[in-house]
Amino acid sequence: MQHMTSTGLYLRLLKYVAPYWRIFALSLAGMVVVGLTEVALPALMKPLLDGTFVYKDAVLMHWMPLVIIALVAVRGGAEYVASYSINWVGNKLVMDLREAMFGKLLGLPTPYYDDHASGNLISKLTYDVTQVTAAGTSVLTVIFKDSVTLIGLLVYMLWLNWKLTLLALVMTPLIVGVVRLISVRLRSSSRAVQQAMGDVTQVVQETIEGHKVVKLFGGQNYEAARFGEQVDRVRRFMMKQTTAAAASVPVVQLLAGFALASIVYLATQQSNANEITVGEFVSFVTAMLMLTAPLKRVTGVNEPLQRGLAAAESVFELIDQAGESDPGLTVVTRVDGEIRFEGVGFSYANADQPALDAITLTINPGETVALVGASGGGKSTLANLVPRFYRPTSGRILLDGYDVETLTLASLRANIALVSQDVVLFNDSVAANIAYGVMRDTSEAEIVAAAEAANCPAGSASGWRLRAPCSRTRRC
């Protein structure tokens, strides 16, 4: 997949936010109010000091405490609304993305699963998608709340003393340059972390599913070493990410420190020349000091932003995969079961030789056929062609005279029963595992009859109950 631009990724994420635009807008409004109340605090310093302590204004002395209380109350309410709303939208975003990803997994063709480790796919659903939340919540909080605060403080400072403010703005181009240099490294390291987390998940999954093999062949030390190697890879990539993120903040603060020292020096000179009052000086210094925290958050927002965008790339890479092809238009109900292979050939991708070559075979209704041969001889491949898990590269397969390519997947597979050598039990009741999928509305009597036909009657030594949870130790 070609990497999308940051703007393209963000715009695509916003499409998932669009259904919740009212809550989203409420959160942004709350952030703006919070940002403006931060600007109001240094603005109160001038009338507070000059009006009450210098000029002894009785009106200001009476109302100033009430104004401060009202300001804090408004700020607290707006901050709660903003935080709750943006996190509500963020969790909805993750839920919708997970549902879209899982829906895509349900429709992906079998060759895709052959080419992609299941652990990496699970990691996309469990880890990568949660990283998108940072791009949709904390980043937006910084962009709207802290940006409003920065702009408001700068405008107030320009109005109060434009000379001192222009001196503070000298460092802005340097700060922007530092942020841009570090952003590239953050994005690439975030991609590496997500891939490494997928590898960790894969090792864990393989060890759990193959625990009997591990124990039987004494593979504990090998698997422990393999797991240790993968988690160490995650640690190294995380440290690269941390190094880049940690370097940006002190560099920006150092530049801001030089600007702050210069401003304080110039302000004291103006004070000596009676060009600035005590209230104005304290108000300006307060506004200048308040710039530090939002400036730190704005410059530090690059880390969660790049991590979230890298995660969004991973998520959309899965969502954009082509689903299983279903060109068939013919619907069959109950077939007799004649299967005919006519010159069927099949080759796996990047294979040196075909798995099947010119296979011609007829299986009559009711006939039992065993495919016998060495491992890798194509037995499973031949069987997998019938339900169209794979598609022949040559020849054709007929079911009751119908080319299976012309049948809809749903009607074709509704006539096929699969008993795999790999037992799959879903985390559900015994009844739900017997009557799975489209059979879920089957009556209880039919489920019992099916179990008895499979030599697994209720109340037997297997001791199963229809509504009991299914487990690997409770099966027929």
Protein backbone atom coordinates (compact mmCIF):
# COMPACT_ATOMS: atom_id res chain seq x y z
CA MET A 1 0.00 0.00 0.00
CA GLN A 2 1.28 3.44 -0.92
CA HIS A 3 1.59 5.65 2.15
CA MET A 4 -1.08 8.37 2.29
CA THR A 5 -0.23 11.95 3.18
CA SER A 6 -0.94 13.16 6.69
CA THR A 7 -3.73 15.39 5.39
CA GLY A 8 -5.29 12.53 3.44
CA LEU A 9 -5.23 10.23 6.47
CA TYR A 10 -6.77 12.85 8.72
CA LEU A 11 -9.52 13.69 6.24
CA ARG A 12 -10.34 10.00 5.94
CA LEU A 13 -10.50 9.63 9.72
CA LEU A 14 -12.85 12.61 9.86
CA LYS A 15 -15.28 10.71 7.60
CA TYR A 16 -15.69 8.23 10.43
CA VAL A 17 -16.24 11.13 12.85
CA ALA A 18 -18.87 12.78 10.60
CA PRO A 19 -21.87 10.80 12.01
CA TYR A 20 -21.06 12.20 15.45
CA TRP A 21 -20.39 15.77 14.33
CA ARG A 22 -22.71 17.31 16.94
CA ILE A 23 -20.80 15.80 19.88
CA PHE A 24 -17.55 16.53 18.07
CA ALA A 25 -18.53 20.18 17.60
CA LEU A 26 -19.54 20.40 21.26
CA SER A 27 -16.09 19.16 22.30
CA LEU A 28 -14.37 21.69 20.03
CA ALA A 29 -16.53 24.49 21.42
CA GLY A 30 -15.57 23.45 24.95
CA MET A 31 -11.89 23.46 24.00
CA VAL A 32 -12.18 26.96 22.55
CA VAL A 33 -13.86 28.23 25.73
CA VAL A 34 -11.10 26.66 27.86
CA GLY A 35 -8.47 28.29 25.67
CA LEU A 36 -10.10 31.70 25.95
CA THR A 37 -10.40 31.48 29.75
CA GLU A 38 -6.65 30.89 29.95
CA VAL A 39 -6.14 34.16 28.07
CA ALA A 40 -8.48 35.92 30.50
CA LEU A 41 -6.27 35.13 33.50
CA PRO A 42 -3.24 37.29 32.55
CA ALA A 43 -5.64 39.92 31.20
CA LEU A 44 -7.04 40.25 34.73
CA MET A 45 -3.60 40.94 36.16
CA LYS A 46 -3.41 44.53 34.85
CA PRO A 47 -6.72 45.79 36.32
CA LEU A 48 -6.17 43.67 39.44
CA LEU A 49 -2.80 45.24 40.25
CA ASP A 50 -3.21 48.75 38.82
CA GLY A 51 -6.88 49.20 39.71
CA THR A 52 -6.95 47.74 43.19
CA PHE A 53 -3.45 48.14 44.59
CA VAL A 54 -2.31 51.32 42.82
CA TYR A 55 -5.46 53.36 42.10
CA LYS A 56 -7.66 51.79 44.84
CA ASP A 57 -10.71 51.43 42.56
CA ALA A 58 -13.57 50.41 44.89
CA VAL A 59 -15.67 48.86 42.09
CA LEU A 60 -12.82 46.63 40.96
CA MET A 61 -11.98 45.68 44.54
CA HIS A 62 -15.61 44.59 45.04
CA TRP A 63 -16.17 42.66 41.80
CA MET A 64 -12.74 41.17 41.11
CA PRO A 65 -13.14 38.13 43.46
CA LEU A 66 -16.51 37.30 41.88
CA VAL A 67 -15.05 37.60 38.40
CA ILE A 68 -12.26 35.17 39.31
CA ILE A 69 -14.76 32.65 40.73
CA ALA A 70 -16.96 32.93 37.62
CA LEU A 71 -13.93 32.50 35.37
CA VAL A 72 -12.83 29.32 37.17
CA ALA A 73 -16.40 27.92 37.10
CA VAL A 74 -16.79 28.52 33.36
CA ARG A 75 -13.39 27.01 32.69
CA GLY A 76 -14.12 23.89 34.76
CA GLY A 77 -17.48 23.27 33.07
CA ALA A 78 -16.07 23.77 29.59
CA GLU A 79 -13.13 21.49 30.31
CA TYR A 80 -15.44 18.69 31.49
CA VAL A 81 -17.67 19.00 28.42
CA ALA A 82 -14.68 19.08 26.08
CA SER A 83 -12.94 16.09 27.68
CA TYR A 84 -16.05 13.90 27.89
CA SER A 85 -17.23 14.71 24.38
CA ILE A 86 -13.91 14.19 22.59
CA ASN A 87 -13.30 10.89 24.38
CA TRP A 88 -16.83 9.74 23.54
CA VAL A 89 -16.18 10.47 19.87
CA GLY A 90 -12.74 8.85 20.05
CA ASN A 91 -14.14 5.62 21.47
CA LYS A 92 -16.89 5.61 18.84
CA LEU A 93 -14.21 6.07 16.18
CA VAL A 94 -12.24 3.07 17.45
CA MET A 95 -15.40 0.96 17.64
CA ASP A 96 -16.42 1.80 14.07
CA LEU A 97 -12.93 1.14 12.74
CA ARG A 98 -12.79 -2.20 14.54
CA GLU A 99 -16.16 -3.21 13.12
CA ALA A 100 -15.03 -2.19 9.63
CA MET A 101 -11.79 -4.15 10.02
CA PHE A 102 -13.53 -7.24 11.38
CA GLY A 103 -16.12 -7.06 8.61
CA LYS A 104 -13.28 -6.94 6.10
CA LEU A 105 -11.59 -9.95 7.74
CA LEU A 106 -14.80 -11.94 7.37
CA GLY A 107 -14.81 -11.29 3.62
CA LEU A 108 -11.12 -11.63 2.72
CA PRO A 109 -10.12 -14.46 0.38
CA THR A 110 -8.19 -17.48 1.68
CA PRO A 111 -4.94 -16.55 -0.16
CA TYR A 112 -4.77 -13.34 1.89
CA TYR A 113 -4.66 -15.36 5.11
CA ASP A 114 -1.97 -17.58 3.59
CA ASP A 115 0.24 -14.52 2.99
CA HIS A 116 -0.35 -12.71 6.29
CA ALA A 117 0.45 -13.94 9.78
CA SER A 118 -2.67 -14.12 11.93
CA GLY A 119 -0.81 -12.47 14.83
CA ASN A 120 -0.20 -9.36 12.75
CA LEU A 121 -3.86 -9.20 11.77
CA ILE A 122 -4.93 -9.56 15.40
CA SER A 123 -2.48 -6.83 16.39
CA LYS A 124 -4.09 -4.47 13.90
CA LEU A 125 -7.46 -4.95 15.60
CA THR A 126 -6.22 -4.87 19.18
CA TYR A 127 -3.24 -2.49 19.16
CA ASP A 128 -2.95 -0.41 15.99
CA VAL A 129 -6.53 0.85 16.03
CA THR A 130 -6.21 2.14 19.60
CA GLN A 131 -3.30 4.33 18.52
CA VAL A 132 -5.68 6.14 16.17
CA THR A 133 -7.48 7.49 19.25
CA ALA A 134 -4.51 9.72 20.04
CA ALA A 135 -4.77 11.33 16.61
CA GLY A 136 -8.51 11.85 17.14
CA THR A 137 -8.61 13.02 20.78
CA SER A 138 -5.48 14.32 22.52
CA VAL A 139 -4.10 15.84 19.33
CA LEU A 140 -7.33 17.69 18.63
CA THR A 141 -7.40 18.88 22.23
CA VAL A 142 -3.97 20.40 21.81
CA ILE A 143 -4.69 21.83 18.37
CA PHE A 144 -7.92 23.57 19.38
CA LYS A 145 -7.47 24.38 23.07
CA ASP A 146 -3.77 25.15 23.17
CA SER A 147 -3.72 26.83 19.77
CA VAL A 148 -6.54 29.13 20.86
CA THR A 149 -4.61 29.83 24.07
CA LEU A 150 -1.39 30.58 22.18
CA ILE A 151 -3.09 32.84 19.65
CA GLY A 152 -5.10 34.61 22.34
CA LEU A 153 -2.06 35.20 24.53
CA LEU A 154 -0.01 36.45 21.59
CA VAL A 155 -2.76 38.86 20.50
CA TYR A 156 -3.09 40.16 24.05
CA MET A 157 0.68 40.55 24.36
CA LEU A 158 0.83 42.44 21.04
CA TRP A 159 -1.87 44.78 22.26
CA LEU A 160 -0.13 45.23 25.61
CA ASN A 161 3.45 45.67 24.35
CA TRP A 162 4.20 44.96 20.70
CA LYS A 163 7.96 45.43 21.06
CA LEU A 164 8.34 42.68 23.66
CA THR A 165 5.99 40.39 21.71
CA LEU A 166 7.94 40.71 18.46
CA LEU A 167 11.05 39.73 20.31
CA ALA A 168 9.29 36.57 21.51
CA LEU A 169 8.26 35.69 17.94
CA VAL A 170 11.86 35.65 16.69
CA MET A 171 12.26 32.05 17.87
CA THR A 172 9.12 30.76 16.09
CA PRO A 173 10.78 29.72 12.76
CA LEU A 174 13.47 27.79 14.64
CA ILE A 175 10.86 25.93 16.68
CA VAL A 176 8.87 24.99 13.56
CA GLY A 177 12.03 23.67 11.92
CA VAL A 178 12.84 21.43 14.90
CA VAL A 179 9.32 19.97 14.87
CA ARG A 180 9.47 19.17 11.16
CA LEU A 181 12.84 17.45 11.42
CA ILE A 182 11.63 15.13 14.18
CA SER A 183 8.23 14.31 12.64
CA VAL A 184 9.67 12.04 9.92
CA ARG A 185 11.55 9.93 12.45
CA LEU A 186 8.50 9.63 14.68
CA ARG A 187 6.28 8.34 11.86
CA SER A 188 8.79 5.71 10.68
CA SER A 189 9.47 4.47 14.21
CA SER A 190 5.73 4.22 14.88
CA ARG A 191 5.30 1.96 11.85
CA ALA A 192 8.16 -0.22 13.11
CA VAL A 193 6.59 -0.50 16.58
CA GLN A 194 3.25 -1.61 15.14
CA GLN A 195 4.90 -4.26 12.97
CA ALA A 196 6.96 -5.52 15.91
CA MET A 197 3.84 -5.74 18.10
CA GLY A 198 2.23 -7.89 15.42
CA ASP A 199 5.23 -10.24 15.54
CA VAL A 200 4.95 -10.49 19.33
CA THR A 201 1.27 -11.38 19.02
CA GLN A 202 2.12 -14.00 16.42
CA VAL A 203 4.67 -15.74 18.69
CA VAL A 204 2.22 -15.76 21.60
CA GLN A 205 -0.60 -17.13 19.44
CA GLU A 206 1.56 -19.88 17.93
CA THR A 207 2.82 -20.93 21.37
CA ILE A 208 -0.68 -21.07 22.86
CA GLU A 209 -2.19 -22.97 19.93
CA GLY A 210 0.78 -25.33 19.68
CA HIS A 211 1.43 -25.77 23.39
CA LYS A 212 1.27 -29.58 23.12
CA VAL A 213 3.92 -29.61 20.40
CA VAL A 214 6.07 -27.21 22.43
CA LYS A 215 5.88 -29.45 25.49
CA LEU A 216 6.31 -32.72 23.62
CA PHE A 217 9.44 -31.62 21.76
CA GLY A 218 10.94 -29.54 24.57
CA GLY A 219 10.55 -26.24 22.76
CA GLN A 220 10.04 -24.07 25.87
CA ASN A 221 13.49 -22.52 25.78
CA TYR A 222 13.30 -21.92 22.04
CA GLU A 223 9.90 -20.23 22.27
CA ALA A 224 11.02 -18.17 25.28
CA ALA A 225 14.06 -16.99 23.33
CA ARG A 226 11.93 -16.21 20.28
CA PHE A 227 9.49 -14.21 22.43
CA GLY A 228 12.35 -12.40 24.16
CA GLU A 229 13.82 -11.43 20.80
CA GLN A 230 10.52 -9.97 19.59
CA VAL A 231 9.75 -8.00 22.75
CA ASP A 232 13.30 -6.64 22.68
CA ARG A 233 12.65 -5.42 19.12
CA VAL A 234 9.55 -3.62 20.41
CA ARG A 235 11.62 -2.09 23.21
CA ARG A 236 14.31 -0.85 20.79
CA PHE A 237 11.79 0.74 18.45
CA MET A 238 9.94 2.30 21.37
CA MET A 239 13.20 3.80 22.62
CA LYS A 240 13.90 5.26 19.18
CA GLN A 241 10.46 6.82 19.29
CA THR A 242 11.02 8.08 22.83
CA THR A 243 14.43 9.53 21.93
CA ALA A 244 12.99 11.56 19.07
CA ALA A 245 10.01 12.75 21.13
CA ALA A 246 12.08 13.55 24.21
CA ALA A 247 14.62 15.54 22.19
CA SER A 248 12.02 17.86 20.70
CA VAL A 249 10.69 19.27 23.99
CA PRO A 250 13.98 20.41 25.63
CA VAL A 251 15.24 21.88 22.36
CA VAL A 252 12.06 23.91 22.00
CA GLN A 253 12.19 24.94 25.64
CA LEU A 254 15.82 26.01 25.28
CA LEU A 255 14.92 28.27 22.37
CA ALA A 256 11.99 29.64 24.36
CA GLY A 257 14.32 30.23 27.33
CA PHE A 258 16.59 32.48 25.27
CA ALA A 259 13.56 34.44 24.12
CA LEU A 260 12.25 34.69 27.69
CA ALA A 261 15.56 36.00 29.05
CA SER A 262 15.72 38.64 26.32
CA ILE A 263 12.14 39.74 26.95
CA VAL A 264 12.62 40.07 30.70
CA TYR A 265 15.72 42.22 30.12
CA LEU A 266 13.92 44.55 27.69
CA ALA A 267 10.85 44.77 29.97
CA THR A 268 12.97 45.89 32.91
CA GLN A 269 14.54 48.60 30.73
CA GLN A 270 11.07 49.86 29.76
CA SER A 271 10.05 49.82 33.40
CA ASN A 272 13.02 51.98 34.35
CA ALA A 273 11.98 54.46 31.65
CA ASN A 274 8.38 54.51 33.00
CA GLU A 275 7.10 53.11 29.67
CA ILE A 276 5.24 50.28 31.39
CA THR A 277 3.19 50.08 34.62
CA VAL A 278 3.51 47.44 37.30
CA GLY A 279 0.20 45.87 36.23
CA GLU A 280 1.22 45.82 32.57
CA PHE A 281 4.60 44.29 33.38
CA VAL A 282 3.14 41.54 35.60
CA SER A 283 0.35 40.91 33.10
CA PHE A 284 2.82 40.59 30.22
CA VAL A 285 5.18 38.32 32.17
CA THR A 286 2.21 36.17 33.28
CA ALA A 287 1.03 35.83 29.68
CA MET A 288 4.55 35.06 28.54
CA LEU A 289 5.01 32.38 31.20
CA MET A 290 1.62 30.90 30.36
CA LEU A 291 2.82 30.48 26.79
CA THR A 292 5.30 27.82 27.95
CA ALA A 293 2.80 25.05 28.84
CA PRO A 294 0.66 25.20 25.67
CA LEU A 295 3.79 25.72 23.56
CA LYS A 296 5.25 22.55 25.11
CA ARG A 297 2.06 20.61 24.38
CA VAL A 298 1.81 21.94 20.82
CA THR A 299 5.43 21.00 20.05
CA GLY A 300 4.99 17.63 21.82
CA VAL A 301 1.78 16.80 19.94
CA ASN A 302 3.85 15.53 17.05
CA GLU A 303 4.57 12.22 18.81
CA PRO A 304 0.95 11.03 19.30
CA LEU A 305 0.02 12.56 15.95
CA GLN A 306 2.63 10.60 13.99
CA ARG A 307 1.91 7.45 16.00
CA GLY A 308 -1.80 7.83 15.29
CA LEU A 309 -1.28 8.49 11.58
CA ALA A 310 1.03 5.48 11.25
CA ALA A 311 -1.66 3.39 12.96
CA ALA A 312 -4.28 4.83 10.61
CA GLU A 313 -2.16 3.69 7.65
CA SER A 314 -2.10 0.17 9.06
CA VAL A 315 -5.86 0.19 9.71
CA PHE A 316 -6.80 1.51 6.27
CA GLU A 317 -4.39 -0.92 4.62
CA LEU A 318 -6.58 -3.74 5.91
CA ILE A 319 -9.88 -1.99 5.21
CA ASP A 320 -8.81 -1.28 1.61
CA GLN A 321 -8.04 -4.93 0.82
CA ALA A 322 -10.16 -6.41 -1.95
CA GLY A 323 -12.79 -8.80 -0.60
CA GLU A 324 -13.51 -12.31 -1.80
CA SER A 325 -14.62 -12.36 -5.42
CA ASP A 326 -18.19 -13.56 -5.99
CA PRO A 327 -18.98 -13.22 -9.70
CA GLY A 328 -21.53 -16.06 -9.76
CA LEU A 329 -25.19 -15.25 -10.37
CA THR A 330 -26.83 -18.69 -10.29
CA VAL A 331 -28.49 -19.74 -7.03
CA VAL A 332 -28.86 -23.47 -6.30
CA THR A 333 -30.88 -24.90 -3.43
CA ARG A 334 -30.44 -28.61 -2.79
CA VAL A 335 -27.95 -30.31 -5.12
CA ASP A 336 -27.54 -34.03 -5.81
CA GLY A 337 -23.79 -33.81 -5.29
CA GLU A 338 -22.11 -34.82 -8.55
CA ILE A 339 -18.67 -33.18 -8.66
CA ARG A 340 -16.64 -33.24 -11.87
CA PHE A 341 -13.09 -31.93 -12.31
CA GLU A 342 -12.22 -31.23 -15.94
CA GLY A 343 -8.52 -30.62 -16.59
CA VAL A 344 -8.15 -28.68 -13.35
CA GLY A 345 -4.80 -27.07 -12.60
CA PHE A 346 -3.75 -24.79 -9.77
CA SER A 347 -0.59 -22.93 -8.79
CA TYR A 348 0.09 -21.04 -5.58
CA ALA A 349 1.54 -17.55 -5.87
CA ASN A 350 5.32 -17.54 -6.34
CA ALA A 351 5.41 -21.36 -6.47
CA ASP A 352 8.00 -23.01 -8.69
CA GLN A 353 5.66 -25.76 -9.85
CA PRO A 354 1.88 -26.26 -9.91
CA ALA A 355 0.15 -27.93 -6.99
CA LEU A 356 -2.35 -29.55 -9.39
CA ASP A 357 -1.99 -30.24 -13.10
CA ALA A 358 -4.73 -31.43 -15.49
CA ILE A 359 -6.81 -33.22 -12.87
CA THR A 360 -9.86 -34.98 -14.36
CA LEU A 361 -12.14 -36.74 -11.89
CA THR A 362 -15.83 -37.46 -11.41
CA ILE A 363 -17.42 -38.09 -8.02
CA ASN A 364 -20.98 -39.38 -8.23
CA PRO A 365 -23.74 -38.45 -5.75
CA GLY A 366 -23.47 -40.54 -2.60
CA GLU A 367 -20.03 -41.83 -3.51
CA THR A 368 -17.22 -41.73 -0.96
CA VAL A 369 -13.80 -40.85 -2.35
CA ALA A 370 -10.53 -40.81 -0.42
CA LEU A 371 -7.61 -38.79 -1.71
CA VAL A 372 -4.41 -40.60 -0.75
CA GLY A 373 -0.87 -39.44 -1.31
CA ALA A 374 2.27 -37.94 0.13
CA SER A 375 2.21 -34.71 2.09
CA GLY A 376 2.19 -31.73 -0.27
CA GLY A 377 0.70 -33.78 -3.10
CA GLY A 378 -2.29 -31.46 -3.51
CA LYS A 379 -5.01 -33.39 -1.64
CA SER A 380 -6.15 -30.45 0.52
CA THR A 381 -5.73 -28.07 -2.41
CA LEU A 382 -8.08 -30.17 -4.56
CA ALA A 383 -10.69 -30.23 -1.78
CA ASN A 384 -10.35 -26.47 -1.19
CA LEU A 385 -11.15 -25.72 -4.83
CA VAL A 386 -14.70 -27.07 -4.49
CA PRO A 387 -16.00 -24.39 -2.05
CA ARG A 388 -13.91 -21.83 -3.98
CA PHE A 389 -11.46 -21.10 -1.19
CA TYR A 390 -9.10 -21.01 -4.16
CA ARG A 391 -9.88 -20.67 -7.85
CA PRO A 392 -8.38 -22.98 -10.50
CA THR A 393 -5.73 -21.49 -12.73
CA SER A 394 -6.90 -23.82 -15.52
CA GLY A 395 -9.82 -26.14 -16.20
CA ARG A 396 -13.14 -26.06 -14.41
CA ILE A 397 -15.13 -27.74 -11.66
CA LEU A 398 -18.78 -28.72 -12.16
CA LEU A 399 -21.40 -29.30 -9.45
CA ASP A 400 -24.47 -31.09 -10.84
CA GLY A 401 -23.43 -29.72 -14.23
CA TYR A 402 -23.04 -26.14 -13.02
CA ASP A 403 -19.65 -24.53 -13.27
CA VAL A 404 -18.97 -23.55 -9.66
CA GLU A 405 -17.68 -20.18 -10.92
CA THR A 406 -21.23 -19.35 -12.05
CA LEU A 407 -22.78 -20.14 -8.65
CA THR A 408 -23.13 -17.62 -5.86
CA LEU A 409 -20.75 -18.32 -2.99
CA ALA A 410 -23.59 -18.44 -0.46
CA SER A 411 -25.61 -21.10 -2.31
CA LEU A 412 -22.49 -23.12 -3.23
CA ARG A 413 -21.18 -23.29 0.31
CA ALA A 414 -24.63 -23.94 1.76
CA ASN A 415 -24.41 -27.36 0.07
CA ILE A 416 -20.97 -28.23 1.44
CA ALA A 417 -20.12 -29.63 4.88
CA LEU A 418 -16.56 -29.37 6.15
CA VAL A 419 -14.99 -31.57 8.82
CA SER A 420 -11.49 -30.22 9.19
CA GLN A 421 -8.49 -31.98 10.69
CA ASP A 422 -8.06 -28.81 12.79
CA VAL A 423 -10.86 -28.63 15.37
CA VAL A 424 -12.32 -25.14 15.80
CA LEU A 425 -14.53 -24.46 18.81
CA PHE A 426 -16.04 -21.02 19.20
CA ASN A 427 -16.39 -19.36 22.61
CA ASP A 428 -20.10 -20.13 22.81
CA SER A 429 -22.49 -22.86 23.92
CA VAL A 430 -22.40 -26.46 22.66
CA ALA A 431 -25.65 -25.85 20.80
CA ALA A 432 -24.28 -22.72 19.07
CA ASN A 433 -21.22 -24.69 17.91
CA ILE A 434 -23.38 -27.50 16.48
CA ALA A 435 -25.86 -25.14 14.81
CA TYR A 436 -23.35 -22.51 13.66
CA GLY A 437 -23.80 -19.53 11.35
CA VAL A 438 -26.84 -19.69 9.09
CA MET A 439 -28.01 -22.75 11.07
CA ARG A 440 -28.35 -20.74 14.30
CA ASP A 441 -32.18 -20.81 14.18
CA THR A 442 -32.28 -24.63 14.13
CA SER A 443 -34.60 -26.13 16.75
CA GLU A 444 -33.27 -27.84 19.85
CA ALA A 445 -34.67 -31.20 18.73
CA GLU A 446 -32.78 -30.98 15.44
CA ILE A 447 -29.55 -30.08 17.24
CA VAL A 448 -29.92 -33.14 19.51
CA ALA A 449 -30.67 -35.33 16.49
CA ALA A 450 -27.56 -34.05 14.71
CA ALA A 451 -25.42 -34.74 17.78
CA GLU A 452 -26.79 -38.25 18.11
CA ALA A 453 -26.15 -38.90 14.42
CA ALA A 454 -22.53 -37.90 15.09
CA ASN A 455 -22.38 -40.49 17.92
CA CYS A 456 -22.43 -37.78 20.59
CA PRO A 457 -25.76 -38.19 22.43
CA ALA A 458 -26.56 -35.95 25.37
CA GLY A 459 -26.07 -37.64 28.71
CA SER A 460 -23.38 -39.96 27.34
CA ALA A 461 -19.85 -40.27 28.67
CA SER A 462 -19.01 -36.99 26.96
CA GLY A 463 -21.55 -35.42 29.33
CA TRP A 464 -22.45 -32.34 27.27
CA ARG A 465 -25.45 -30.04 27.71
CA LEU A 466 -26.91 -27.89 24.95
CA ARG A 467 -26.51 -24.54 26.70
CA ALA A 468 -23.24 -25.34 28.44
CA PRO A 469 -20.13 -23.40 27.36
CA CYS A 470 -18.07 -25.25 24.79
CA SER A 471 -14.45 -26.15 25.55
CA ARG A 472 -11.69 -28.26 24.08
CA THR A 473 -12.21 -30.85 26.80
CA ARG A 474 -15.94 -31.15 26.07
CA ARG A 475 -16.29 -32.42 22.57
CA CYS A 476 -17.37 -35.56 20.77
